[in-house]
Amino acid sequence: MIISSDVDICKNKLISLIGHRIRLTSNGGRKRLIVNDGIVDGCYENFFNVKCLKKDGKTYELVSFSYIDVLTKNVRVVVPVSNSSEEIA
């Protein structure tokens, strides 16, 4: 069971990362993983946005994820820190 305080902790961690680069890995179905590298753009009541650079290298795509997806590990958030990586949740 997910407690609302867990959601608040996850939300506060992501709020502290606004403007920082993160890597998101999510399940795309049929044994396919979707990896997005981007910058945390904003955090709202039930979801957060990440601005990701498209493959063409010129335009950005805004991708949204919920805090519940992070807590249930459907989406993994990794913050690159110099030589090591730190995972949220």
C-alpha atoms as a PDB file:
ATOM      1  CA  MET A   1       0.000   0.000   0.000  1.00  0.00           C
ATOM      2  CA  ILE A   2       1.263   3.452  -0.850  1.00  0.00           C
ATOM      3  CA  ILE A   3       0.942   6.030   1.905  1.00  0.00           C
ATOM      4  CA  SER A   4       0.375   9.699   1.066  1.00  0.00           C
ATOM      5  CA  SER A   5       3.523  10.620   2.984  1.00  0.00           C
ATOM      6  CA  ASP A   6       5.525   8.442   0.553  1.00  0.00           C
ATOM      7  CA  VAL A   7       4.047  10.394  -2.345  1.00  0.00           C
ATOM      8  CA  ASP A   8       4.957  13.656  -0.614  1.00  0.00           C
ATOM      9  CA  ILE A   9       8.552  12.489  -0.077  1.00  0.00           C
ATOM     10  CA  CYS A  10       8.861  11.483  -3.737  1.00  0.00           C
ATOM     11  CA  LYS A  11       7.334  14.796  -4.824  1.00  0.00           C
ATOM     12  CA  ASN A  12       9.723  16.809  -2.624  1.00  0.00           C
ATOM     13  CA  LYS A  13      12.748  14.942  -4.012  1.00  0.00           C
ATOM     14  CA  LEU A  14      11.648  15.712  -7.555  1.00  0.00           C
ATOM     15  CA  ILE A  15      10.920  19.355  -6.700  1.00  0.00           C
ATOM     16  CA  SER A  16      14.512  19.651  -5.517  1.00  0.00           C
ATOM     17  CA  LEU A  17      15.623  18.343  -8.935  1.00  0.00           C
ATOM     18  CA  ILE A  18      13.831  20.972 -11.050  1.00  0.00           C
ATOM     19  CA  GLY A  19      16.340  22.153 -13.632  1.00  0.00           C
ATOM     20  CA  HIS A  20      18.600  19.101 -13.178  1.00  0.00           C
ATOM     21  CA  ARG A  21      19.256  16.314 -15.659  1.00  0.00           C
ATOM     22  CA  ILE A  22      17.729  12.882 -14.954  1.00  0.00           C
ATOM     23  CA  ARG A  23      17.289   9.560 -16.757  1.00  0.00           C
ATOM     24  CA  LEU A  24      13.882   7.852 -16.771  1.00  0.00           C
ATOM     25  CA  THR A  25      13.394   4.206 -17.684  1.00  0.00           C
ATOM     26  CA  SER A  26       9.840   2.969 -18.199  1.00  0.00           C
ATOM     27  CA  ASN A  27       8.188  -0.203 -19.427  1.00  0.00           C
ATOM     28  CA  GLY A  28       7.082   0.068 -23.059  1.00  0.00           C
ATOM     29  CA  GLY A  29       5.388  -3.331 -23.126  1.00  0.00           C
ATOM     30  CA  ARG A  30       6.465  -6.559 -24.807  1.00  0.00           C
ATOM     31  CA  LYS A  31       9.880  -6.612 -23.119  1.00  0.00           C
ATOM     32  CA  ARG A  32      10.687  -3.126 -24.413  1.00  0.00           C
ATOM     33  CA  LEU A  33      12.175  -0.396 -22.242  1.00  0.00           C
ATOM     34  CA  ILE A  34      11.801   3.298 -23.007  1.00  0.00           C
ATOM     35  CA  VAL A  35      14.694   5.458 -21.814  1.00  0.00           C
ATOM     36  CA  ASN A  36      14.326   9.232 -21.643  1.00  0.00           C
ATOM     37  CA  ASP A  37      17.118  11.618 -20.731  1.00  0.00           C
ATOM     38  CA  GLY A  38      15.980  15.090 -19.866  1.00  0.00           C
ATOM     39  CA  ILE A  39      15.621  17.961 -17.457  1.00  0.00           C
ATOM     40  CA  VAL A  40      12.914  18.125 -14.785  1.00  0.00           C
ATOM     41  CA  ASP A  41      10.663  20.943 -15.985  1.00  0.00           C
ATOM     42  CA  GLY A  42       7.973  21.129 -13.310  1.00  0.00           C
ATOM     43  CA  CYS A  43       6.246  19.296 -10.477  1.00  0.00           C
ATOM     44  CA  TYR A  44       2.514  19.451  -9.914  1.00  0.00           C
ATOM     45  CA  GLU A  45      -0.002  17.875  -7.557  1.00  0.00           C
ATOM     46  CA  ASN A  46      -0.117  14.387  -9.124  1.00  0.00           C
ATOM     47  CA  PHE A  47       2.561  14.354 -11.824  1.00  0.00           C
ATOM     48  CA  PHE A  48       5.852  15.858 -12.968  1.00  0.00           C
ATOM     49  CA  ASN A  49       7.136  16.920 -16.395  1.00  0.00           C
ATOM     50  CA  VAL A  50      10.498  16.190 -17.974  1.00  0.00           C
ATOM     51  CA  LYS A  51      11.758  18.081 -21.012  1.00  0.00           C
ATOM     52  CA  CYS A  52      13.533  15.547 -23.264  1.00  0.00           C
ATOM     53  CA  LEU A  53      15.588  16.257 -26.360  1.00  0.00           C
ATOM     54  CA  LYS A  54      14.193  14.427 -29.402  1.00  0.00           C
ATOM     55  CA  LYS A  55      16.353  12.246 -31.620  1.00  0.00           C
ATOM     56  CA  ASP A  56      16.682  15.001 -34.224  1.00  0.00           C
ATOM     57  CA  GLY A  57      18.649  16.984 -31.629  1.00  0.00           C
ATOM     58  CA  LYS A  58      16.779  20.234 -32.301  1.00  0.00           C
ATOM     59  CA  THR A  59      13.373  20.013 -30.646  1.00  0.00           C
ATOM     60  CA  TYR A  60      12.168  19.104 -27.170  1.00  0.00           C
ATOM     61  CA  GLU A  61       9.392  16.798 -26.100  1.00  0.00           C
ATOM     62  CA  LEU A  62       7.518  17.238 -22.813  1.00  0.00           C
ATOM     63  CA  VAL A  63       6.946  13.885 -21.098  1.00  0.00           C
ATOM     64  CA  SER A  64       4.754  13.509 -17.991  1.00  0.00           C
ATOM     65  CA  PHE A  65       4.948  10.852 -15.284  1.00  0.00           C
ATOM     66  CA  SER A  66       3.031  10.324 -12.050  1.00  0.00           C
ATOM     67  CA  TYR A  67       4.614   9.984  -8.627  1.00  0.00           C
ATOM     68  CA  ILE A  68       2.745   6.685  -8.158  1.00  0.00           C
ATOM     69  CA  ASP A  69       4.566   5.239 -11.191  1.00  0.00           C
ATOM     70  CA  VAL A  70       7.875   6.098  -9.536  1.00  0.00           C
ATOM     71  CA  LEU A  71       6.839   4.587  -6.198  1.00  0.00           C
ATOM     72  CA  THR A  72       5.574   1.363  -7.801  1.00  0.00           C
ATOM     73  CA  LYS A  73       8.781   1.225  -9.891  1.00  0.00           C
ATOM     74  CA  ASN A  74       6.958   1.273 -13.217  1.00  0.00           C
ATOM     75  CA  VAL A  75       9.228   4.250 -13.924  1.00  0.00           C
ATOM     76  CA  ARG A  76      12.782   4.364 -12.607  1.00  0.00           C
ATOM     77  CA  VAL A  77      14.361   7.772 -12.046  1.00  0.00           C
ATOM     78  CA  VAL A  78      18.144   7.975 -11.953  1.00  0.00           C
ATOM     79  CA  VAL A  79      20.060  11.147 -11.193  1.00  0.00           C
ATOM     80  CA  PRO A  80      23.576  11.061 -12.671  1.00  0.00           C
ATOM     81  CA  VAL A  81      26.051  12.296 -10.064  1.00  0.00           C
ATOM     82  CA  SER A  82      29.586  12.679 -11.501  1.00  0.00           C
ATOM     83  CA  ASN A  83      30.826   9.051 -11.689  1.00  0.00           C
ATOM     84  CA  SER A  84      27.968   7.308  -9.877  1.00  0.00           C
ATOM     85  CA  SER A  85      24.182   7.303 -10.156  1.00  0.00           C
ATOM     86  CA  GLU A  86      21.536   7.708  -7.472  1.00  0.00           C
ATOM     87  CA  GLU A  87      18.059   6.244  -7.875  1.00  0.00           C
ATOM     88  CA  ILE A  88      14.970   7.938  -6.433  1.00  0.00           C
ATOM     89  CA  ALA A  89      12.426   5.867  -4.505  1.00  0.00           C
END
